[in-house]
Amino acid sequence: MQLLLIRHAIAEDREEFAASGRNDGERPLTKHGKRQMRRVAKGLRRTVKSIDVLGASPLVRAQQTAAIVAEAYGEIAVATVPSLAPDSEPEAFADWLGRQRIAESVAAVGHDPHLGMLVTWLLAGRMEPRVDIEKGGAVLLDVKGAPRAGCATLLWALTPAMLVRLGD
């Protein structure tokens, strides 16, 4: 299966949002982040023609990013995936991904450095973030067999600027 990992788009400033007294999980995308993600999603659609399953972290900014991606792919459903939340163990994500085995293409929206760690774990079996994914950026992996440490091959990694250019 192909696994498209997408970092959420630009969200409100962490410190300013914290001053509101609300939980960081509720921190939304900015207007600019939403606008940029719509352009990024067009580029994603040109490079990954279809998505069979779309999952997102339960945090608001990831859910909002996933909704924009879902719209670009014809209003596909978004599943909430707790194992995409920051600090989740990669094995928990691998378990969820393994349950999607009939899918040819799975997309997942999450957070950095967690996504960078997942990419490194799937590629090399190491529990450390060795891949930096910009907000709105994406990585495409080819996952062979059951999802586990070291099971994937990197197909590409693109910045949001690259994806915007592909979509224009």
N, C-alpha and C. Protein backbone atom coordinates (compact mmCIF):
# COMPACT_ATOMS: atom_id res chain seq x y z
N MET A 1 0.83 -1.18 0.00
CA MET A 1 0.00 0.00 0.00
C MET A 1 0.87 1.24 0.00
N GLN A 2 0.31 2.32 -0.52
CA GLN A 2 0.98 3.61 -0.43
C GLN A 2 0.44 4.35 0.79
N LEU A 3 1.34 4.96 1.54
CA LEU A 3 0.98 5.71 2.74
C LEU A 3 1.41 7.16 2.56
N LEU A 4 0.43 8.05 2.53
CA LEU A 4 0.68 9.48 2.41
C LEU A 4 0.55 10.10 3.80
N LEU A 5 1.66 10.59 4.33
CA LEU A 5 1.67 11.24 5.64
C LEU A 5 1.74 12.75 5.43
N ILE A 6 0.78 13.47 6.01
CA ILE A 6 0.64 14.91 5.80
C ILE A 6 0.71 15.60 7.16
N ARG A 7 1.56 16.61 7.26
CA ARG A 7 1.59 17.41 8.48
C ARG A 7 0.48 18.47 8.39
N HIS A 8 -0.18 18.72 9.50
CA HIS A 8 -1.26 19.72 9.51
C HIS A 8 -0.74 21.06 9.00
N ALA A 9 -1.66 21.88 8.50
CA ALA A 9 -1.33 23.20 7.98
C ALA A 9 -1.02 24.17 9.13
N ILE A 10 -0.74 25.40 8.78
CA ILE A 10 -0.35 26.43 9.75
C ILE A 10 -1.51 26.69 10.71
N ALA A 11 -1.21 26.56 12.00
CA ALA A 11 -2.21 26.77 13.06
C ALA A 11 -1.90 28.06 13.81
N GLU A 12 -2.86 28.45 14.65
CA GLU A 12 -2.66 29.64 15.48
C GLU A 12 -1.41 29.46 16.35
N ASP A 13 -0.82 30.56 16.73
CA ASP A 13 0.39 30.56 17.55
C ASP A 13 0.12 29.84 18.88
N ARG A 14 1.02 28.93 19.23
CA ARG A 14 0.86 28.10 20.43
C ARG A 14 0.76 28.95 21.72
N GLU A 15 1.69 29.91 21.89
CA GLU A 15 1.71 30.71 23.11
C GLU A 15 0.48 31.61 23.22
N GLU A 16 0.11 32.25 22.11
CA GLU A 16 -1.07 33.11 22.12
C GLU A 16 -2.32 32.30 22.44
N PHE A 17 -2.42 31.11 21.85
CA PHE A 17 -3.60 30.27 22.10
C PHE A 17 -3.61 29.80 23.55
N ALA A 18 -2.45 29.47 24.09
CA ALA A 18 -2.37 29.01 25.49
C ALA A 18 -2.87 30.10 26.44
N ALA A 19 -2.63 31.36 26.08
CA ALA A 19 -3.08 32.47 26.92
C ALA A 19 -4.60 32.53 27.03
N SER A 20 -5.29 31.91 26.08
CA SER A 20 -6.76 31.89 26.13
C SER A 20 -7.28 30.92 27.18
N GLY A 21 -6.39 30.06 27.68
CA GLY A 21 -6.78 29.07 28.69
C GLY A 21 -7.38 27.80 28.12
N ARG A 22 -7.47 27.72 26.80
CA ARG A 22 -8.03 26.53 26.17
C ARG A 22 -6.94 25.49 25.94
N ASN A 23 -7.35 24.25 25.84
CA ASN A 23 -6.45 23.12 25.61
C ASN A 23 -5.81 23.24 24.23
N ASP A 24 -4.52 22.90 24.12
CA ASP A 24 -3.82 22.99 22.85
C ASP A 24 -4.46 22.11 21.77
N GLY A 25 -5.11 21.04 22.15
CA GLY A 25 -5.78 20.17 21.18
C GLY A 25 -6.88 20.88 20.41
N GLU A 26 -7.35 22.01 20.94
CA GLU A 26 -8.40 22.79 20.30
C GLU A 26 -7.85 23.87 19.37
N ARG A 27 -6.52 24.00 19.30
CA ARG A 27 -5.91 25.08 18.51
C ARG A 27 -6.20 24.87 17.02
N PRO A 28 -6.87 25.84 16.38
CA PRO A 28 -7.27 25.68 14.98
C PRO A 28 -6.24 26.21 13.99
N LEU A 29 -6.51 25.93 12.73
CA LEU A 29 -5.72 26.49 11.64
C LEU A 29 -6.01 27.99 11.53
N THR A 30 -5.04 28.72 11.01
CA THR A 30 -5.27 30.13 10.69
C THR A 30 -5.98 30.22 9.34
N LYS A 31 -6.49 31.40 9.02
CA LYS A 31 -7.10 31.60 7.70
C LYS A 31 -6.07 31.34 6.60
N HIS A 32 -4.86 31.85 6.82
CA HIS A 32 -3.78 31.61 5.85
C HIS A 32 -3.49 30.11 5.72
N GLY A 33 -3.44 29.41 6.85
CA GLY A 33 -3.18 27.97 6.83
C GLY A 33 -4.23 27.22 6.04
N LYS A 34 -5.49 27.59 6.21
CA LYS A 34 -6.58 26.95 5.45
C LYS A 34 -6.44 27.23 3.95
N ARG A 35 -6.18 28.48 3.63
CA ARG A 35 -6.03 28.88 2.22
C ARG A 35 -4.86 28.14 1.57
N GLN A 36 -3.72 28.12 2.27
CA GLN A 36 -2.55 27.43 1.72
C GLN A 36 -2.82 25.93 1.58
N MET A 37 -3.51 25.34 2.56
CA MET A 37 -3.76 23.90 2.50
C MET A 37 -4.67 23.53 1.34
N ARG A 38 -5.60 24.41 0.98
CA ARG A 38 -6.44 24.14 -0.20
C ARG A 38 -5.57 24.05 -1.46
N ARG A 39 -4.57 24.91 -1.55
CA ARG A 39 -3.66 24.88 -2.70
C ARG A 39 -2.75 23.64 -2.65
N VAL A 40 -2.29 23.31 -1.44
CA VAL A 40 -1.47 22.10 -1.25
C VAL A 40 -2.27 20.86 -1.65
N ALA A 41 -3.54 20.82 -1.25
CA ALA A 41 -4.39 19.66 -1.54
C ALA A 41 -4.55 19.44 -3.05
N LYS A 42 -4.58 20.54 -3.82
CA LYS A 42 -4.63 20.40 -5.28
C LYS A 42 -3.38 19.71 -5.80
N GLY A 43 -2.23 20.09 -5.25
CA GLY A 43 -0.97 19.45 -5.63
C GLY A 43 -0.93 17.99 -5.21
N LEU A 44 -1.45 17.70 -4.02
CA LEU A 44 -1.52 16.30 -3.58
C LEU A 44 -2.37 15.48 -4.54
N ARG A 45 -3.48 16.05 -4.96
CA ARG A 45 -4.41 15.34 -5.86
C ARG A 45 -3.74 15.05 -7.20
N ARG A 46 -2.86 15.93 -7.64
CA ARG A 46 -2.14 15.69 -8.91
C ARG A 46 -1.09 14.59 -8.77
N THR A 47 -0.54 14.42 -7.58
CA THR A 47 0.53 13.43 -7.40
C THR A 47 0.02 12.09 -6.88
N VAL A 48 -1.03 12.11 -6.08
CA VAL A 48 -1.65 10.89 -5.56
C VAL A 48 -3.10 10.94 -6.03
N LYS A 49 -3.41 10.16 -7.05
CA LYS A 49 -4.69 10.28 -7.75
C LYS A 49 -5.90 9.95 -6.89
N SER A 50 -5.76 9.01 -5.96
CA SER A 50 -6.91 8.65 -5.12
C SER A 50 -6.44 8.24 -3.73
N ILE A 51 -7.34 8.40 -2.78
CA ILE A 51 -7.11 7.98 -1.40
C ILE A 51 -8.27 7.09 -1.01
N ASP A 52 -7.97 5.89 -0.55
CA ASP A 52 -9.01 4.96 -0.12
C ASP A 52 -9.42 5.19 1.32
N VAL A 53 -8.46 5.54 2.17
CA VAL A 53 -8.72 5.78 3.60
C VAL A 53 -7.97 7.04 4.00
N LEU A 54 -8.67 7.92 4.73
CA LEU A 54 -8.07 9.15 5.23
C LEU A 54 -8.27 9.21 6.73
N GLY A 55 -7.16 9.24 7.47
CA GLY A 55 -7.22 9.33 8.93
C GLY A 55 -6.56 10.60 9.40
N ALA A 56 -6.95 11.04 10.60
CA ALA A 56 -6.36 12.25 11.16
C ALA A 56 -6.30 12.14 12.68
N SER A 57 -5.30 12.79 13.23
CA SER A 57 -5.17 12.95 14.68
C SER A 57 -6.46 13.58 15.20
N PRO A 58 -6.81 13.32 16.46
CA PRO A 58 -8.01 13.94 17.03
C PRO A 58 -7.89 15.45 17.27
N LEU A 59 -6.69 16.02 17.20
CA LEU A 59 -6.51 17.44 17.45
C LEU A 59 -7.16 18.27 16.34
N VAL A 60 -7.74 19.39 16.71
CA VAL A 60 -8.54 20.21 15.79
C VAL A 60 -7.77 20.57 14.53
N ARG A 61 -6.52 21.01 14.66
CA ARG A 61 -5.78 21.45 13.48
C ARG A 61 -5.57 20.33 12.48
N ALA A 62 -5.39 19.10 12.95
CA ALA A 62 -5.25 17.96 12.04
C ALA A 62 -6.60 17.60 11.42
N GLN A 63 -7.66 17.67 12.19
CA GLN A 63 -9.00 17.40 11.67
C GLN A 63 -9.37 18.41 10.59
N GLN A 64 -9.05 19.68 10.81
CA GLN A 64 -9.34 20.71 9.82
C GLN A 64 -8.52 20.50 8.54
N THR A 65 -7.26 20.13 8.70
CA THR A 65 -6.42 19.85 7.53
C THR A 65 -6.98 18.66 6.76
N ALA A 66 -7.35 17.60 7.47
CA ALA A 66 -7.91 16.41 6.82
C ALA A 66 -9.20 16.74 6.08
N ALA A 67 -10.02 17.63 6.63
CA ALA A 67 -11.27 18.01 5.97
C ALA A 67 -10.98 18.69 4.63
N ILE A 68 -9.93 19.50 4.58
CA ILE A 68 -9.54 20.16 3.33
C ILE A 68 -9.05 19.13 2.32
N VAL A 69 -8.25 18.18 2.77
CA VAL A 69 -7.78 17.10 1.87
C VAL A 69 -8.98 16.28 1.40
N ALA A 70 -9.89 15.95 2.30
CA ALA A 70 -11.08 15.17 1.94
C ALA A 70 -11.89 15.86 0.86
N GLU A 71 -12.03 17.17 0.97
CA GLU A 71 -12.76 17.95 -0.03
C GLU A 71 -12.09 17.86 -1.40
N ALA A 72 -10.77 17.95 -1.42
CA ALA A 72 -10.02 17.87 -2.68
C ALA A 72 -10.17 16.51 -3.36
N TYR A 73 -10.43 15.49 -2.56
CA TYR A 73 -10.57 14.13 -3.10
C TYR A 73 -12.03 13.71 -3.22
N GLY A 74 -12.95 14.67 -3.28
CA GLY A 74 -14.35 14.33 -3.50
C GLY A 74 -15.13 14.00 -2.25
N GLU A 75 -14.81 14.70 -1.15
CA GLU A 75 -15.57 14.53 0.10
C GLU A 75 -15.46 13.12 0.69
N ILE A 76 -14.26 12.56 0.70
CA ILE A 76 -14.09 11.25 1.34
C ILE A 76 -14.20 11.40 2.85
N ALA A 77 -14.55 10.33 3.53
CA ALA A 77 -14.72 10.35 4.98
C ALA A 77 -13.36 10.47 5.68
N VAL A 78 -13.36 11.11 6.84
CA VAL A 78 -12.15 11.25 7.66
C VAL A 78 -12.35 10.44 8.93
N ALA A 79 -11.45 9.48 9.16
CA ALA A 79 -11.48 8.69 10.40
C ALA A 79 -10.58 9.36 11.43
N THR A 80 -11.04 9.44 12.66
CA THR A 80 -10.20 9.94 13.75
C THR A 80 -9.32 8.81 14.24
N VAL A 81 -8.02 9.04 14.25
CA VAL A 81 -7.03 8.01 14.58
C VAL A 81 -6.22 8.48 15.80
N PRO A 82 -6.57 8.00 16.99
CA PRO A 82 -5.85 8.43 18.19
C PRO A 82 -4.34 8.21 18.13
N SER A 83 -3.90 7.20 17.40
CA SER A 83 -2.46 6.91 17.33
C SER A 83 -1.70 7.91 16.47
N LEU A 84 -2.39 8.91 15.89
CA LEU A 84 -1.72 10.00 15.18
C LEU A 84 -1.51 11.23 16.08
N ALA A 85 -2.00 11.15 17.31
CA ALA A 85 -1.78 12.24 18.26
C ALA A 85 -0.31 12.28 18.65
N PRO A 86 0.21 13.47 18.97
CA PRO A 86 1.62 13.55 19.40
C PRO A 86 1.89 12.60 20.56
N ASP A 87 3.08 12.05 20.61
CA ASP A 87 3.54 11.15 21.67
C ASP A 87 2.93 9.75 21.62
N SER A 88 2.18 9.43 20.58
CA SER A 88 1.66 8.06 20.45
C SER A 88 2.78 7.14 19.96
N GLU A 89 2.67 5.89 20.33
CA GLU A 89 3.67 4.89 19.94
C GLU A 89 3.48 4.48 18.48
N PRO A 90 4.57 4.28 17.74
CA PRO A 90 4.44 3.90 16.33
C PRO A 90 3.73 2.56 16.15
N GLU A 91 3.88 1.65 17.10
CA GLU A 91 3.22 0.35 16.99
C GLU A 91 1.69 0.51 16.97
N ALA A 92 1.18 1.49 17.71
CA ALA A 92 -0.27 1.74 17.72
C ALA A 92 -0.73 2.21 16.35
N PHE A 93 0.06 3.08 15.71
CA PHE A 93 -0.28 3.50 14.35
C PHE A 93 -0.17 2.33 13.39
N ALA A 94 0.86 1.50 13.54
CA ALA A 94 1.03 0.33 12.68
C ALA A 94 -0.16 -0.62 12.82
N ASP A 95 -0.69 -0.76 14.02
CA ASP A 95 -1.88 -1.60 14.23
C ASP A 95 -3.06 -1.04 13.45
N TRP A 96 -3.29 0.29 13.54
CA TRP A 96 -4.39 0.91 12.79
C TRP A 96 -4.17 0.73 11.29
N LEU A 97 -2.95 1.01 10.84
CA LEU A 97 -2.64 0.90 9.42
C LEU A 97 -2.83 -0.54 8.93
N GLY A 98 -2.47 -1.50 9.75
CA GLY A 98 -2.65 -2.90 9.39
C GLY A 98 -4.10 -3.27 9.19
N ARG A 99 -5.00 -2.59 9.88
CA ARG A 99 -6.43 -2.85 9.71
C ARG A 99 -6.97 -2.25 8.41
N GLN A 100 -6.15 -1.49 7.71
CA GLN A 100 -6.56 -0.87 6.43
C GLN A 100 -5.98 -1.65 5.25
N ARG A 101 -5.61 -2.89 5.43
CA ARG A 101 -4.84 -3.66 4.43
C ARG A 101 -5.50 -3.76 3.07
N ILE A 102 -6.82 -3.68 2.99
CA ILE A 102 -7.45 -3.78 1.67
C ILE A 102 -7.29 -2.49 0.87
N ALA A 103 -6.90 -1.41 1.53
CA ALA A 103 -6.72 -0.13 0.86
C ALA A 103 -5.41 -0.12 0.08
N GLU A 104 -5.45 0.48 -1.10
CA GLU A 104 -4.23 0.66 -1.89
C GLU A 104 -3.51 1.95 -1.51
N SER A 105 -4.30 2.94 -1.06
CA SER A 105 -3.73 4.24 -0.72
C SER A 105 -4.37 4.76 0.57
N VAL A 106 -3.53 4.99 1.58
CA VAL A 106 -3.98 5.50 2.87
C VAL A 106 -3.28 6.83 3.11
N ALA A 107 -4.05 7.82 3.56
CA ALA A 107 -3.47 9.11 3.94
C ALA A 107 -3.72 9.33 5.42
N ALA A 108 -2.76 9.98 6.08
CA ALA A 108 -2.87 10.24 7.51
C ALA A 108 -2.32 11.64 7.81
N VAL A 109 -3.10 12.41 8.56
CA VAL A 109 -2.72 13.78 8.91
C VAL A 109 -2.34 13.82 10.39
N GLY A 110 -1.15 14.34 10.66
CA GLY A 110 -0.68 14.39 12.03
C GLY A 110 0.21 15.58 12.29
N HIS A 111 1.13 15.41 13.22
CA HIS A 111 1.94 16.50 13.79
C HIS A 111 3.42 16.12 13.76
N ASP A 112 4.26 17.16 13.72
CA ASP A 112 5.70 16.94 13.82
C ASP A 112 6.11 17.30 15.25
N PRO A 113 7.04 16.63 15.86
CA PRO A 113 7.97 15.66 15.31
C PRO A 113 7.43 14.22 15.24
N HIS A 114 6.20 13.99 15.69
CA HIS A 114 5.64 12.63 15.69
C HIS A 114 5.65 12.01 14.30
N LEU A 115 5.20 12.77 13.27
CA LEU A 115 5.19 12.21 11.91
C LEU A 115 6.60 11.89 11.43
N GLY A 116 7.55 12.76 11.75
CA GLY A 116 8.94 12.51 11.37
C GLY A 116 9.47 11.24 12.01
N MET A 117 9.07 10.99 13.26
CA MET A 117 9.47 9.77 13.94
C MET A 117 8.80 8.56 13.28
N LEU A 118 7.51 8.68 12.94
CA LEU A 118 6.82 7.57 12.26
C LEU A 118 7.50 7.22 10.94
N VAL A 119 7.84 8.24 10.16
CA VAL A 119 8.52 8.01 8.88
C VAL A 119 9.84 7.28 9.12
N THR A 120 10.63 7.77 10.06
CA THR A 120 11.93 7.15 10.36
C THR A 120 11.75 5.70 10.83
N TRP A 121 10.76 5.46 11.68
CA TRP A 121 10.49 4.10 12.18
C TRP A 121 10.05 3.17 11.05
N LEU A 122 9.16 3.65 10.18
CA LEU A 122 8.70 2.81 9.07
C LEU A 122 9.81 2.55 8.05
N LEU A 123 10.71 3.52 7.87
CA LEU A 123 11.81 3.35 6.92
C LEU A 123 12.97 2.56 7.49
N ALA A 124 13.39 2.90 8.71
CA ALA A 124 14.64 2.37 9.25
C ALA A 124 14.52 1.66 10.59
N GLY A 125 13.33 1.64 11.16
CA GLY A 125 13.15 0.97 12.44
C GLY A 125 13.69 1.72 13.63
N ARG A 126 13.99 2.99 13.47
CA ARG A 126 14.54 3.80 14.56
C ARG A 126 13.48 4.70 15.15
N MET A 127 13.46 4.79 16.48
CA MET A 127 12.47 5.59 17.21
C MET A 127 12.98 7.01 17.44
N GLU A 128 13.23 7.73 16.36
CA GLU A 128 13.69 9.10 16.46
C GLU A 128 13.25 9.87 15.22
N PRO A 129 12.93 11.14 15.39
CA PRO A 129 12.49 11.92 14.24
C PRO A 129 13.68 12.38 13.39
N ARG A 130 13.94 11.68 12.30
CA ARG A 130 15.04 12.04 11.39
C ARG A 130 14.55 12.70 10.11
N VAL A 131 13.22 12.87 9.99
CA VAL A 131 12.63 13.50 8.82
C VAL A 131 11.82 14.70 9.31
N ASP A 132 12.14 15.88 8.79
CA ASP A 132 11.42 17.10 9.17
C ASP A 132 10.38 17.38 8.09
N ILE A 133 9.12 17.44 8.50
CA ILE A 133 8.03 17.71 7.56
C ILE A 133 7.47 19.09 7.90
N GLU A 134 7.51 20.00 6.92
CA GLU A 134 6.98 21.35 7.14
C GLU A 134 5.47 21.30 7.29
N LYS A 135 4.91 22.31 7.94
CA LYS A 135 3.45 22.40 8.05
C LYS A 135 2.84 22.44 6.66
N GLY A 136 1.96 21.48 6.38
CA GLY A 136 1.35 21.36 5.06
C GLY A 136 2.16 20.52 4.10
N GLY A 137 3.32 20.04 4.53
CA GLY A 137 4.14 19.18 3.69
C GLY A 137 3.68 17.73 3.79
N ALA A 138 4.24 16.89 2.92
CA ALA A 138 3.81 15.50 2.87
C ALA A 138 4.94 14.57 2.46
N VAL A 139 4.79 13.31 2.87
CA VAL A 139 5.74 12.25 2.54
C VAL A 139 4.92 11.07 2.02
N LEU A 140 5.39 10.47 0.93
CA LEU A 140 4.72 9.28 0.40
C LEU A 140 5.64 8.08 0.56
N LEU A 141 5.12 7.04 1.22
CA LEU A 141 5.87 5.80 1.46
C LEU A 141 5.17 4.64 0.76
N ASP A 142 5.96 3.67 0.37
CA ASP A 142 5.43 2.39 -0.11
C ASP A 142 5.63 1.39 1.02
N VAL A 143 4.53 0.89 1.57
CA VAL A 143 4.57 -0.05 2.69
C VAL A 143 4.39 -1.46 2.16
N LYS A 144 5.37 -2.32 2.41
CA LYS A 144 5.32 -3.71 1.95
C LYS A 144 4.93 -4.62 3.11
N GLY A 145 3.90 -5.42 2.90
CA GLY A 145 3.49 -6.38 3.93
C GLY A 145 2.86 -5.69 5.12
N ALA A 146 2.92 -6.36 6.25
CA ALA A 146 2.34 -5.83 7.48
C ALA A 146 3.13 -4.60 7.94
N PRO A 147 2.44 -3.52 8.31
CA PRO A 147 3.15 -2.33 8.79
C PRO A 147 3.94 -2.64 10.06
N ARG A 148 5.22 -2.29 10.02
CA ARG A 148 6.11 -2.56 11.14
C ARG A 148 7.39 -1.74 10.94
N ALA A 149 8.26 -1.77 11.89
CA ALA A 149 9.53 -1.06 11.79
C ALA A 149 10.30 -1.54 10.56
N GLY A 150 10.76 -0.60 9.75
CA GLY A 150 11.59 -0.92 8.60
C GLY A 150 10.87 -1.51 7.40
N CYS A 151 9.56 -1.37 7.31
CA CYS A 151 8.79 -2.02 6.23
C CYS A 151 8.58 -1.15 5.01
N ALA A 152 9.00 0.10 5.04
CA ALA A 152 8.62 1.04 3.99
C ALA A 152 9.81 1.53 3.16
N THR A 153 9.46 2.04 1.98
CA THR A 153 10.41 2.68 1.08
C THR A 153 9.90 4.09 0.82
N LEU A 154 10.80 5.05 0.85
CA LEU A 154 10.44 6.44 0.57
C LEU A 154 10.24 6.62 -0.93
N LEU A 155 9.07 7.13 -1.31
CA LEU A 155 8.80 7.45 -2.71
C LEU A 155 9.08 8.92 -2.99
N TRP A 156 8.64 9.79 -2.09
CA TRP A 156 8.98 11.21 -2.18
C TRP A 156 8.64 11.93 -0.88
N ALA A 157 9.25 13.11 -0.73
CA ALA A 157 8.94 14.03 0.36
C ALA A 157 8.87 15.42 -0.26
N LEU A 158 7.73 16.12 -0.08
CA LEU A 158 7.53 17.41 -0.73
C LEU A 158 7.14 18.48 0.29
N THR A 159 7.68 19.66 0.09
CA THR A 159 7.32 20.80 0.93
C THR A 159 5.97 21.35 0.47
N PRO A 160 5.34 22.18 1.30
CA PRO A 160 4.09 22.79 0.86
C PRO A 160 4.28 23.66 -0.40
N ALA A 161 5.41 24.36 -0.50
CA ALA A 161 5.66 25.20 -1.68
C ALA A 161 5.72 24.34 -2.94
N MET A 162 6.35 23.19 -2.87
CA MET A 162 6.41 22.29 -4.02
C MET A 162 5.02 21.80 -4.40
N LEU A 163 4.24 21.43 -3.39
CA LEU A 163 2.88 20.93 -3.65
C LEU A 163 2.00 22.02 -4.24
N VAL A 164 2.14 23.25 -3.77
CA VAL A 164 1.38 24.37 -4.34
C VAL A 164 1.72 24.53 -5.81
N ARG A 165 3.01 24.49 -6.15
CA ARG A 165 3.42 24.62 -7.55
C ARG A 165 2.85 23.50 -8.40
N LEU A 166 2.82 22.28 -7.84
CA LEU A 166 2.24 21.16 -8.59
C LEU A 166 0.74 21.34 -8.83
N GLY A 167 0.08 22.02 -7.90
CA GLY A 167 -1.36 22.22 -8.02
C GLY A 167 -1.76 23.40 -8.89
N ASP A 168 -0.83 24.32 -9.11
CA ASP A 168 -1.16 25.53 -9.92
C ASP A 168 -1.17 25.23 -11.41
